[in-house]
Amino acid sequence: MPRRASFPLALTMGEPAGIGGEITLMAWLGRAAGTPPFVAIDDPDRLAELARASGANVRGVYQFDLGRKSRTATAALTGLGKTRRILLSDTLLEGFSHEEISVVLAHELAHHGRRHIPKLIAAQAVFGTVVFYGVVFALRAWGPGLGVDRAADPAGLPLALLVLGGAGLLAAPFANSVSRAMERRCDDDALRATKDPGSFISAMRKLSRLNLAEESPPAWVERLFYSHPSISRRIAYAEAFRRESSAAA
């Protein structure tokens, strides 16, 4: 039988973006209730080897309960330094083969190996600082004409929200473009690490069904709104990788 383990999480790096806070909350609620939500996986060797190949030493591979609140399937690398652990959702373990799980985890580990999380945090900090000064400038430049005497005047809140919303709207296509490029590189790393494009393709199709994702959205929709390449593009890339691998063999 699987071994139960209870521990708090210092940091979670996984997808979707909000999964980190949810896993951390689940950990603390589980400890408070006396029911640890994480269960160690009995056969973690291949997954742990993938982690070591990406430069991440992990203390174990654990399952966490996501199925009660979501159909989403995900994997995550959690913790800092020597406390890192691999977390796999129960939905992933129940609906995916071991090979498919390896591909999904290899993709997440690629984010770790390429240090995407620190890079995104730094970029968001710079963007937030620029937008903050943009809001102050707007309040000082246009506020007096709207009856706003100073930047701290609550009457300037609508203008501040307008500037914030406009900045976010303008930055979203660029941010999504950068995110798609990162995801494409991680897909490539996952394929090269596992050398299993067939499992990659089947995992993408399963994730698409679970997440109710549109496999082939219009190109303009993907460019403007998608933070990940469309499922059809990811599958096409995996098929191209398979052809190249077969030709090189």
C-alpha atoms as a PDB file:
ATOM      1  CA  MET A   1       0.000   0.000   0.000  1.00  0.00           C
ATOM      2  CA  PRO A   2       1.187   3.546  -0.613  1.00  0.00           C
ATOM      3  CA  ARG A   3       2.858   5.361   2.287  1.00  0.00           C
ATOM      4  CA  ARG A   4       1.191   8.519   3.581  1.00  0.00           C
ATOM      5  CA  ALA A   5       3.217  11.671   4.119  1.00  0.00           C
ATOM      6  CA  SER A   6       2.325  15.040   5.536  1.00  0.00           C
ATOM      7  CA  PHE A   7       4.372  18.160   4.875  1.00  0.00           C
ATOM      8  CA  PRO A   8       3.879  21.864   4.127  1.00  0.00           C
ATOM      9  CA  LEU A   9       4.986  23.221   0.770  1.00  0.00           C
ATOM     10  CA  ALA A  10       7.297  26.210   0.497  1.00  0.00           C
ATOM     11  CA  LEU A  11       6.942  26.740  -3.255  1.00  0.00           C
ATOM     12  CA  THR A  12       5.121  25.065  -6.086  1.00  0.00           C
ATOM     13  CA  MET A  13       6.091  25.250  -9.719  1.00  0.00           C
ATOM     14  CA  GLY A  14       3.449  23.702 -11.916  1.00  0.00           C
ATOM     15  CA  GLU A  15       0.535  24.186 -14.268  1.00  0.00           C
ATOM     16  CA  PRO A  16      -1.999  25.604 -14.299  1.00  0.00           C
ATOM     17  CA  ALA A  17      -0.682  28.799 -12.749  1.00  0.00           C
ATOM     18  CA  GLY A  18      -3.021  28.711  -9.754  1.00  0.00           C
ATOM     19  CA  ILE A  19      -2.203  25.150  -8.786  1.00  0.00           C
ATOM     20  CA  GLY A  20       0.594  26.158  -6.383  1.00  0.00           C
ATOM     21  CA  GLY A  21      -1.594  27.998  -3.931  1.00  0.00           C
ATOM     22  CA  GLU A  22      -4.243  25.279  -4.112  1.00  0.00           C
ATOM     23  CA  ILE A  23      -1.742  22.521  -3.315  1.00  0.00           C
ATOM     24  CA  THR A  24      -0.276  24.515  -0.436  1.00  0.00           C
ATOM     25  CA  LEU A  25      -3.750  25.140   1.009  1.00  0.00           C
ATOM     26  CA  MET A  26      -4.590  21.463   0.663  1.00  0.00           C
ATOM     27  CA  ALA A  27      -1.412  20.552   2.543  1.00  0.00           C
ATOM     28  CA  TRP A  28      -2.166  22.821   5.499  1.00  0.00           C
ATOM     29  CA  LEU A  29      -5.848  21.858   5.635  1.00  0.00           C
ATOM     30  CA  GLY A  30      -4.855  18.211   5.549  1.00  0.00           C
ATOM     31  CA  ARG A  31      -2.488  18.698   8.476  1.00  0.00           C
ATOM     32  CA  ALA A  32      -5.150  20.576  10.465  1.00  0.00           C
ATOM     33  CA  ALA A  33      -7.720  17.848   9.853  1.00  0.00           C
ATOM     34  CA  GLY A  34      -5.270  15.036  10.546  1.00  0.00           C
ATOM     35  CA  THR A  35      -5.759  13.627   7.033  1.00  0.00           C
ATOM     36  CA  PRO A  36      -2.639  14.126   4.921  1.00  0.00           C
ATOM     37  CA  PRO A  37      -3.673  14.762   1.298  1.00  0.00           C
ATOM     38  CA  PHE A  38      -0.420  13.432  -0.172  1.00  0.00           C
ATOM     39  CA  VAL A  39       0.312   9.753  -0.767  1.00  0.00           C
ATOM     40  CA  ALA A  40       3.740   8.464  -1.780  1.00  0.00           C
ATOM     41  CA  ILE A  41       3.915   6.568  -5.060  1.00  0.00           C
ATOM     42  CA  ASP A  42       5.219   3.007  -4.787  1.00  0.00           C
ATOM     43  CA  ASP A  43       7.250   2.959  -8.030  1.00  0.00           C
ATOM     44  CA  PRO A  44       8.821   6.393  -8.475  1.00  0.00           C
ATOM     45  CA  ASP A  45      12.191   5.360  -9.948  1.00  0.00           C
ATOM     46  CA  ARG A  46      11.633   6.409 -13.563  1.00  0.00           C
ATOM     47  CA  LEU A  47      10.057   9.718 -12.568  1.00  0.00           C
ATOM     48  CA  ALA A  48      12.831  10.461 -10.085  1.00  0.00           C
ATOM     49  CA  GLU A  49      15.385   9.668 -12.789  1.00  0.00           C
ATOM     50  CA  LEU A  50      13.720  12.189 -15.087  1.00  0.00           C
ATOM     51  CA  ALA A  51      14.009  14.771 -12.316  1.00  0.00           C
ATOM     52  CA  ARG A  52      17.702  14.038 -11.753  1.00  0.00           C
ATOM     53  CA  ALA A  53      18.363  14.302 -15.503  1.00  0.00           C
ATOM     54  CA  SER A  54      16.856  17.798 -15.433  1.00  0.00           C
ATOM     55  CA  GLY A  55      19.089  18.801 -12.521  1.00  0.00           C
ATOM     56  CA  ALA A  56      16.472  18.477  -9.765  1.00  0.00           C
ATOM     57  CA  ASN A  57      17.163  16.137  -6.862  1.00  0.00           C
ATOM     58  CA  VAL A  58      13.860  15.081  -5.303  1.00  0.00           C
ATOM     59  CA  ARG A  59      12.996  13.404  -2.006  1.00  0.00           C
ATOM     60  CA  GLY A  60      10.052  11.455  -3.357  1.00  0.00           C
ATOM     61  CA  VAL A  61       7.061  11.221  -5.676  1.00  0.00           C
ATOM     62  CA  TYR A  62       3.621  11.882  -4.187  1.00  0.00           C
ATOM     63  CA  GLN A  63      -0.014  11.876  -5.209  1.00  0.00           C
ATOM     64  CA  PHE A  64      -2.348  14.720  -4.249  1.00  0.00           C
ATOM     65  CA  ASP A  65      -6.134  14.792  -4.354  1.00  0.00           C
ATOM     66  CA  LEU A  66      -7.418  17.063  -7.110  1.00  0.00           C
ATOM     67  CA  GLY A  67     -10.293  14.984  -8.485  1.00  0.00           C
ATOM     68  CA  ARG A  68     -12.816  16.088  -5.862  1.00  0.00           C
ATOM     69  CA  LYS A  69     -12.738  19.693  -7.104  1.00  0.00           C
ATOM     70  CA  SER A  70     -11.516  19.542 -10.707  1.00  0.00           C
ATOM     71  CA  ARG A  71     -11.153  17.324 -13.757  1.00  0.00           C
ATOM     72  CA  THR A  72      -7.763  18.894 -14.487  1.00  0.00           C
ATOM     73  CA  ALA A  73      -4.742  16.595 -14.537  1.00  0.00           C
ATOM     74  CA  THR A  74      -1.366  18.044 -13.609  1.00  0.00           C
ATOM     75  CA  ALA A  75       2.121  17.396 -12.281  1.00  0.00           C
ATOM     76  CA  ALA A  76       4.282  19.755 -10.246  1.00  0.00           C
ATOM     77  CA  LEU A  77       7.759  20.093  -8.794  1.00  0.00           C
ATOM     78  CA  THR A  78       7.500  21.530  -5.284  1.00  0.00           C
ATOM     79  CA  GLY A  79       9.802  22.735  -2.544  1.00  0.00           C
ATOM     80  CA  LEU A  80      13.217  24.358  -2.388  1.00  0.00           C
ATOM     81  CA  GLY A  81      16.703  22.864  -2.393  1.00  0.00           C
ATOM     82  CA  LYS A  82      16.821  19.418  -0.798  1.00  0.00           C
ATOM     83  CA  THR A  83      13.104  19.509   0.048  1.00  0.00           C
ATOM     84  CA  ARG A  84      11.921  19.153  -3.550  1.00  0.00           C
ATOM     85  CA  ARG A  85       9.209  16.609  -4.241  1.00  0.00           C
ATOM     86  CA  ILE A  86       7.263  15.576  -7.312  1.00  0.00           C
ATOM     87  CA  LEU A  87       3.481  15.859  -7.005  1.00  0.00           C
ATOM     88  CA  LEU A  88       1.089  14.061  -9.357  1.00  0.00           C
ATOM     89  CA  SER A  89      -2.653  14.650  -9.243  1.00  0.00           C
ATOM     90  CA  ASP A  90      -4.932  11.685  -8.683  1.00  0.00           C
ATOM     91  CA  THR A  91      -6.650  12.540 -11.975  1.00  0.00           C
ATOM     92  CA  LEU A  92      -3.326  12.172 -13.781  1.00  0.00           C
ATOM     93  CA  LEU A  93      -2.545   8.828 -12.151  1.00  0.00           C
ATOM     94  CA  GLU A  94      -6.008   7.417 -12.800  1.00  0.00           C
ATOM     95  CA  GLY A  95      -6.428   8.510 -16.414  1.00  0.00           C
ATOM     96  CA  PHE A  96      -2.931   8.391 -17.894  1.00  0.00           C
ATOM     97  CA  SER A  97      -0.436   5.633 -18.606  1.00  0.00           C
ATOM     98  CA  HIS A  98       2.975   5.644 -16.946  1.00  0.00           C
ATOM     99  CA  GLU A  99       4.554   6.758 -20.225  1.00  0.00           C
ATOM    100  CA  GLU A 100       2.093   9.638 -20.564  1.00  0.00           C
ATOM    101  CA  ILE A 101       2.741  10.694 -16.972  1.00  0.00           C
ATOM    102  CA  SER A 102       6.472  10.685 -17.708  1.00  0.00           C
ATOM    103  CA  VAL A 103       5.949  13.030 -20.662  1.00  0.00           C
ATOM    104  CA  VAL A 104       3.786  15.436 -18.630  1.00  0.00           C
ATOM    105  CA  LEU A 105       6.327  15.471 -15.797  1.00  0.00           C
ATOM    106  CA  ALA A 106       9.242  15.915 -18.213  1.00  0.00           C
ATOM    107  CA  HIS A 107       7.539  19.042 -19.530  1.00  0.00           C
ATOM    108  CA  GLU A 108       7.161  20.461 -16.008  1.00  0.00           C
ATOM    109  CA  LEU A 109      10.762  19.598 -15.168  1.00  0.00           C
ATOM    110  CA  ALA A 110      11.871  21.459 -18.282  1.00  0.00           C
ATOM    111  CA  HIS A 111      10.330  24.626 -16.834  1.00  0.00           C
ATOM    112  CA  HIS A 112      12.487  24.042 -13.756  1.00  0.00           C
ATOM    113  CA  GLY A 113      15.628  23.331 -15.773  1.00  0.00           C
ATOM    114  CA  ARG A 114      15.187  26.470 -17.859  1.00  0.00           C
ATOM    115  CA  ARG A 115      14.383  28.555 -14.753  1.00  0.00           C
ATOM    116  CA  HIS A 116      11.188  29.864 -16.286  1.00  0.00           C
ATOM    117  CA  ILE A 117       9.495  30.606 -12.968  1.00  0.00           C
ATOM    118  CA  PRO A 118      12.207  33.029 -11.670  1.00  0.00           C
ATOM    119  CA  LYS A 119      12.359  34.662 -15.102  1.00  0.00           C
ATOM    120  CA  LEU A 120       8.600  35.206 -15.200  1.00  0.00           C
ATOM    121  CA  ILE A 121       8.550  36.556 -11.653  1.00  0.00           C
ATOM    122  CA  ALA A 122      11.304  39.024 -12.537  1.00  0.00           C
ATOM    123  CA  ALA A 123       9.509  40.086 -15.725  1.00  0.00           C
ATOM    124  CA  GLN A 124       6.245  40.580 -13.853  1.00  0.00           C
ATOM    125  CA  ALA A 125       8.027  42.651 -11.207  1.00  0.00           C
ATOM    126  CA  VAL A 126       9.507  44.936 -13.889  1.00  0.00           C
ATOM    127  CA  PHE A 127       6.164  45.222 -15.673  1.00  0.00           C
ATOM    128  CA  GLY A 128       4.363  45.962 -12.410  1.00  0.00           C
ATOM    129  CA  THR A 129       6.838  48.706 -11.557  1.00  0.00           C
ATOM    130  CA  VAL A 130       6.467  50.320 -14.981  1.00  0.00           C
ATOM    131  CA  VAL A 131       2.670  50.192 -14.769  1.00  0.00           C
ATOM    132  CA  PHE A 132       2.727  51.645 -11.247  1.00  0.00           C
ATOM    133  CA  TYR A 133       4.674  54.677 -12.433  1.00  0.00           C
ATOM    134  CA  GLY A 134       2.379  54.885 -15.443  1.00  0.00           C
ATOM    135  CA  VAL A 135      -0.619  55.110 -13.121  1.00  0.00           C
ATOM    136  CA  VAL A 136       1.064  57.853 -11.070  1.00  0.00           C
ATOM    137  CA  PHE A 137       1.925  59.770 -14.240  1.00  0.00           C
ATOM    138  CA  ALA A 138      -1.660  59.493 -15.516  1.00  0.00           C
ATOM    139  CA  LEU A 139      -3.091  60.710 -12.223  1.00  0.00           C
ATOM    140  CA  ARG A 140      -0.761  63.692 -12.149  1.00  0.00           C
ATOM    141  CA  ALA A 141      -1.207  64.559 -15.826  1.00  0.00           C
ATOM    142  CA  TRP A 142      -4.944  64.038 -16.250  1.00  0.00           C
ATOM    143  CA  GLY A 143      -6.184  63.952 -12.674  1.00  0.00           C
ATOM    144  CA  PRO A 144      -6.575  67.733 -12.178  1.00  0.00           C
ATOM    145  CA  GLY A 145      -8.866  67.950 -15.198  1.00  0.00           C
ATOM    146  CA  LEU A 146     -11.041  65.234 -13.600  1.00  0.00           C
ATOM    147  CA  GLY A 147     -11.120  66.849 -10.187  1.00  0.00           C
ATOM    148  CA  VAL A 148      -8.367  64.614  -8.729  1.00  0.00           C
ATOM    149  CA  ASP A 149      -6.030  66.797  -6.658  1.00  0.00           C
ATOM    150  CA  ARG A 150      -3.293  64.251  -5.901  1.00  0.00           C
ATOM    151  CA  ALA A 151      -2.281  60.706  -6.789  1.00  0.00           C
ATOM    152  CA  ALA A 152      -3.497  59.375  -3.423  1.00  0.00           C
ATOM    153  CA  ASP A 153      -6.991  60.846  -3.883  1.00  0.00           C
ATOM    154  CA  PRO A 154      -9.568  57.992  -3.918  1.00  0.00           C
ATOM    155  CA  ALA A 155     -11.442  59.881  -6.639  1.00  0.00           C
ATOM    156  CA  GLY A 156      -8.625  58.885  -8.995  1.00  0.00           C
ATOM    157  CA  LEU A 157      -9.401  55.163  -8.643  1.00  0.00           C
ATOM    158  CA  PRO A 158     -11.451  54.900 -11.882  1.00  0.00           C
ATOM    159  CA  LEU A 159      -8.596  56.477 -13.864  1.00  0.00           C
ATOM    160  CA  ALA A 160      -6.049  54.192 -12.167  1.00  0.00           C
ATOM    161  CA  LEU A 161      -8.160  51.134 -13.012  1.00  0.00           C
ATOM    162  CA  LEU A 162      -8.505  52.313 -16.607  1.00  0.00           C
ATOM    163  CA  VAL A 163      -4.714  52.618 -16.947  1.00  0.00           C
ATOM    164  CA  LEU A 164      -4.159  49.231 -15.286  1.00  0.00           C
ATOM    165  CA  GLY A 165      -6.728  47.544 -17.509  1.00  0.00           C
ATOM    166  CA  GLY A 166      -5.350  49.162 -20.642  1.00  0.00           C
ATOM    167  CA  ALA A 167      -1.785  48.167 -19.779  1.00  0.00           C
ATOM    168  CA  GLY A 168      -2.833  44.590 -19.142  1.00  0.00           C
ATOM    169  CA  LEU A 169      -4.811  44.429 -22.374  1.00  0.00           C
ATOM    170  CA  LEU A 170      -1.918  45.798 -24.426  1.00  0.00           C
ATOM    171  CA  ALA A 171       0.670  43.562 -22.758  1.00  0.00           C
ATOM    172  CA  ALA A 172      -1.343  40.332 -22.935  1.00  0.00           C
ATOM    173  CA  PRO A 173      -0.553  39.384 -26.560  1.00  0.00           C
ATOM    174  CA  PHE A 174       3.182  39.902 -26.003  1.00  0.00           C
ATOM    175  CA  ALA A 175       3.124  38.021 -22.675  1.00  0.00           C
ATOM    176  CA  ASN A 176       1.199  35.160 -24.274  1.00  0.00           C
ATOM    177  CA  SER A 177       3.701  35.038 -27.128  1.00  0.00           C
ATOM    178  CA  VAL A 178       6.589  34.705 -24.676  1.00  0.00           C
ATOM    179  CA  SER A 179       4.692  32.046 -22.727  1.00  0.00           C
ATOM    180  CA  ARG A 180       3.976  30.020 -25.878  1.00  0.00           C
ATOM    181  CA  ALA A 181       7.666  30.135 -26.801  1.00  0.00           C
ATOM    182  CA  MET A 182       8.569  28.826 -23.339  1.00  0.00           C
ATOM    183  CA  GLU A 183       5.992  26.049 -23.611  1.00  0.00           C
ATOM    184  CA  ARG A 184       7.280  25.058 -27.039  1.00  0.00           C
ATOM    185  CA  ARG A 185      10.826  24.740 -25.692  1.00  0.00           C
ATOM    186  CA  CYS A 186       9.591  22.625 -22.789  1.00  0.00           C
ATOM    187  CA  ASP A 187       7.656  20.390 -25.181  1.00  0.00           C
ATOM    188  CA  ASP A 188      10.878  19.911 -27.133  1.00  0.00           C
ATOM    189  CA  ASP A 189      12.802  19.099 -23.952  1.00  0.00           C
ATOM    190  CA  ALA A 190      10.122  16.604 -22.876  1.00  0.00           C
ATOM    191  CA  LEU A 191      10.227  14.833 -26.226  1.00  0.00           C
ATOM    192  CA  ARG A 192      14.019  14.656 -26.192  1.00  0.00           C
ATOM    193  CA  ALA A 193      14.080  13.426 -22.586  1.00  0.00           C
ATOM    194  CA  THR A 194      11.464  10.692 -23.034  1.00  0.00           C
ATOM    195  CA  LYS A 195      11.925   9.966 -26.768  1.00  0.00           C
ATOM    196  CA  ASP A 196       8.246   9.010 -26.802  1.00  0.00           C
ATOM    197  CA  PRO A 197       6.232  11.214 -29.181  1.00  0.00           C
ATOM    198  CA  GLY A 198       3.378   8.701 -29.219  1.00  0.00           C
ATOM    199  CA  SER A 199       2.765   9.099 -25.493  1.00  0.00           C
ATOM    200  CA  PHE A 200       3.155  12.867 -25.829  1.00  0.00           C
ATOM    201  CA  ILE A 201       0.416  12.972 -28.470  1.00  0.00           C
ATOM    202  CA  SER A 202      -1.974  10.758 -26.500  1.00  0.00           C
ATOM    203  CA  ALA A 203      -1.332  12.801 -23.326  1.00  0.00           C
ATOM    204  CA  MET A 204      -2.103  16.041 -25.178  1.00  0.00           C
ATOM    205  CA  ARG A 205      -5.389  14.632 -26.459  1.00  0.00           C
ATOM    206  CA  LYS A 206      -6.392  13.456 -23.000  1.00  0.00           C
ATOM    207  CA  LEU A 207      -5.512  16.821 -21.460  1.00  0.00           C
ATOM    208  CA  SER A 208      -7.540  18.528 -24.167  1.00  0.00           C
ATOM    209  CA  ARG A 209     -10.610  16.457 -23.300  1.00  0.00           C
ATOM    210  CA  LEU A 210     -10.174  16.936 -19.558  1.00  0.00           C
ATOM    211  CA  ASN A 211      -9.690  20.699 -19.859  1.00  0.00           C
ATOM    212  CA  LEU A 212     -12.388  21.091 -22.530  1.00  0.00           C
ATOM    213  CA  ALA A 213      -9.798  22.823 -24.702  1.00  0.00           C
ATOM    214  CA  GLU A 214     -10.344  23.632 -28.371  1.00  0.00           C
ATOM    215  CA  GLU A 215      -7.750  21.640 -30.304  1.00  0.00           C
ATOM    216  CA  SER A 216      -7.568  23.955 -33.345  1.00  0.00           C
ATOM    217  CA  PRO A 217      -8.628  27.505 -32.478  1.00  0.00           C
ATOM    218  CA  PRO A 218      -8.451  30.280 -35.104  1.00  0.00           C
ATOM    219  CA  ALA A 219      -4.889  31.549 -35.495  1.00  0.00           C
ATOM    220  CA  TRP A 220      -5.754  35.076 -34.335  1.00  0.00           C
ATOM    221  CA  VAL A 221      -7.436  33.733 -31.202  1.00  0.00           C
ATOM    222  CA  GLU A 222      -4.348  31.682 -30.379  1.00  0.00           C
ATOM    223  CA  ARG A 223      -2.008  34.649 -30.894  1.00  0.00           C
ATOM    224  CA  LEU A 224      -4.042  36.999 -28.739  1.00  0.00           C
ATOM    225  CA  PHE A 225      -5.376  34.803 -25.945  1.00  0.00           C
ATOM    226  CA  TYR A 226      -3.478  31.513 -25.662  1.00  0.00           C
ATOM    227  CA  SER A 227      -0.598  31.202 -23.180  1.00  0.00           C
ATOM    228  CA  HIS A 228       0.143  27.705 -24.564  1.00  0.00           C
ATOM    229  CA  PRO A 229       0.389  26.519 -28.157  1.00  0.00           C
ATOM    230  CA  SER A 230      -2.861  24.968 -29.338  1.00  0.00           C
ATOM    231  CA  ILE A 231      -3.209  21.210 -28.922  1.00  0.00           C
ATOM    232  CA  SER A 232      -3.131  20.727 -32.692  1.00  0.00           C
ATOM    233  CA  ARG A 233       0.189  22.593 -32.947  1.00  0.00           C
ATOM    234  CA  ARG A 234       1.706  20.588 -30.115  1.00  0.00           C
ATOM    235  CA  ILE A 235       0.594  17.340 -31.697  1.00  0.00           C
ATOM    236  CA  ALA A 236       1.926  18.427 -35.103  1.00  0.00           C
ATOM    237  CA  TYR A 237       5.280  19.258 -33.519  1.00  0.00           C
ATOM    238  CA  ALA A 238       5.420  15.822 -31.829  1.00  0.00           C
ATOM    239  CA  GLU A 239       4.607  14.122 -35.132  1.00  0.00           C
ATOM    240  CA  ALA A 240       7.398  16.092 -36.833  1.00  0.00           C
ATOM    241  CA  PHE A 241       9.759  15.047 -34.036  1.00  0.00           C
ATOM    242  CA  ARG A 242       8.779  11.406 -34.597  1.00  0.00           C
ATOM    243  CA  ARG A 243       9.473  11.670 -38.338  1.00  0.00           C
ATOM    244  CA  GLU A 244      12.852  13.285 -37.712  1.00  0.00           C
ATOM    245  CA  SER A 245      13.748  10.634 -35.149  1.00  0.00           C
ATOM    246  CA  SER A 246      12.760   7.832 -37.543  1.00  0.00           C
ATOM    247  CA  ALA A 247      14.791   9.380 -40.336  1.00  0.00           C
ATOM    248  CA  ALA A 248      17.841   9.715 -38.111  1.00  0.00           C
ATOM    249  CA  ALA A 249      17.627   6.114 -36.874  1.00  0.00           C
END
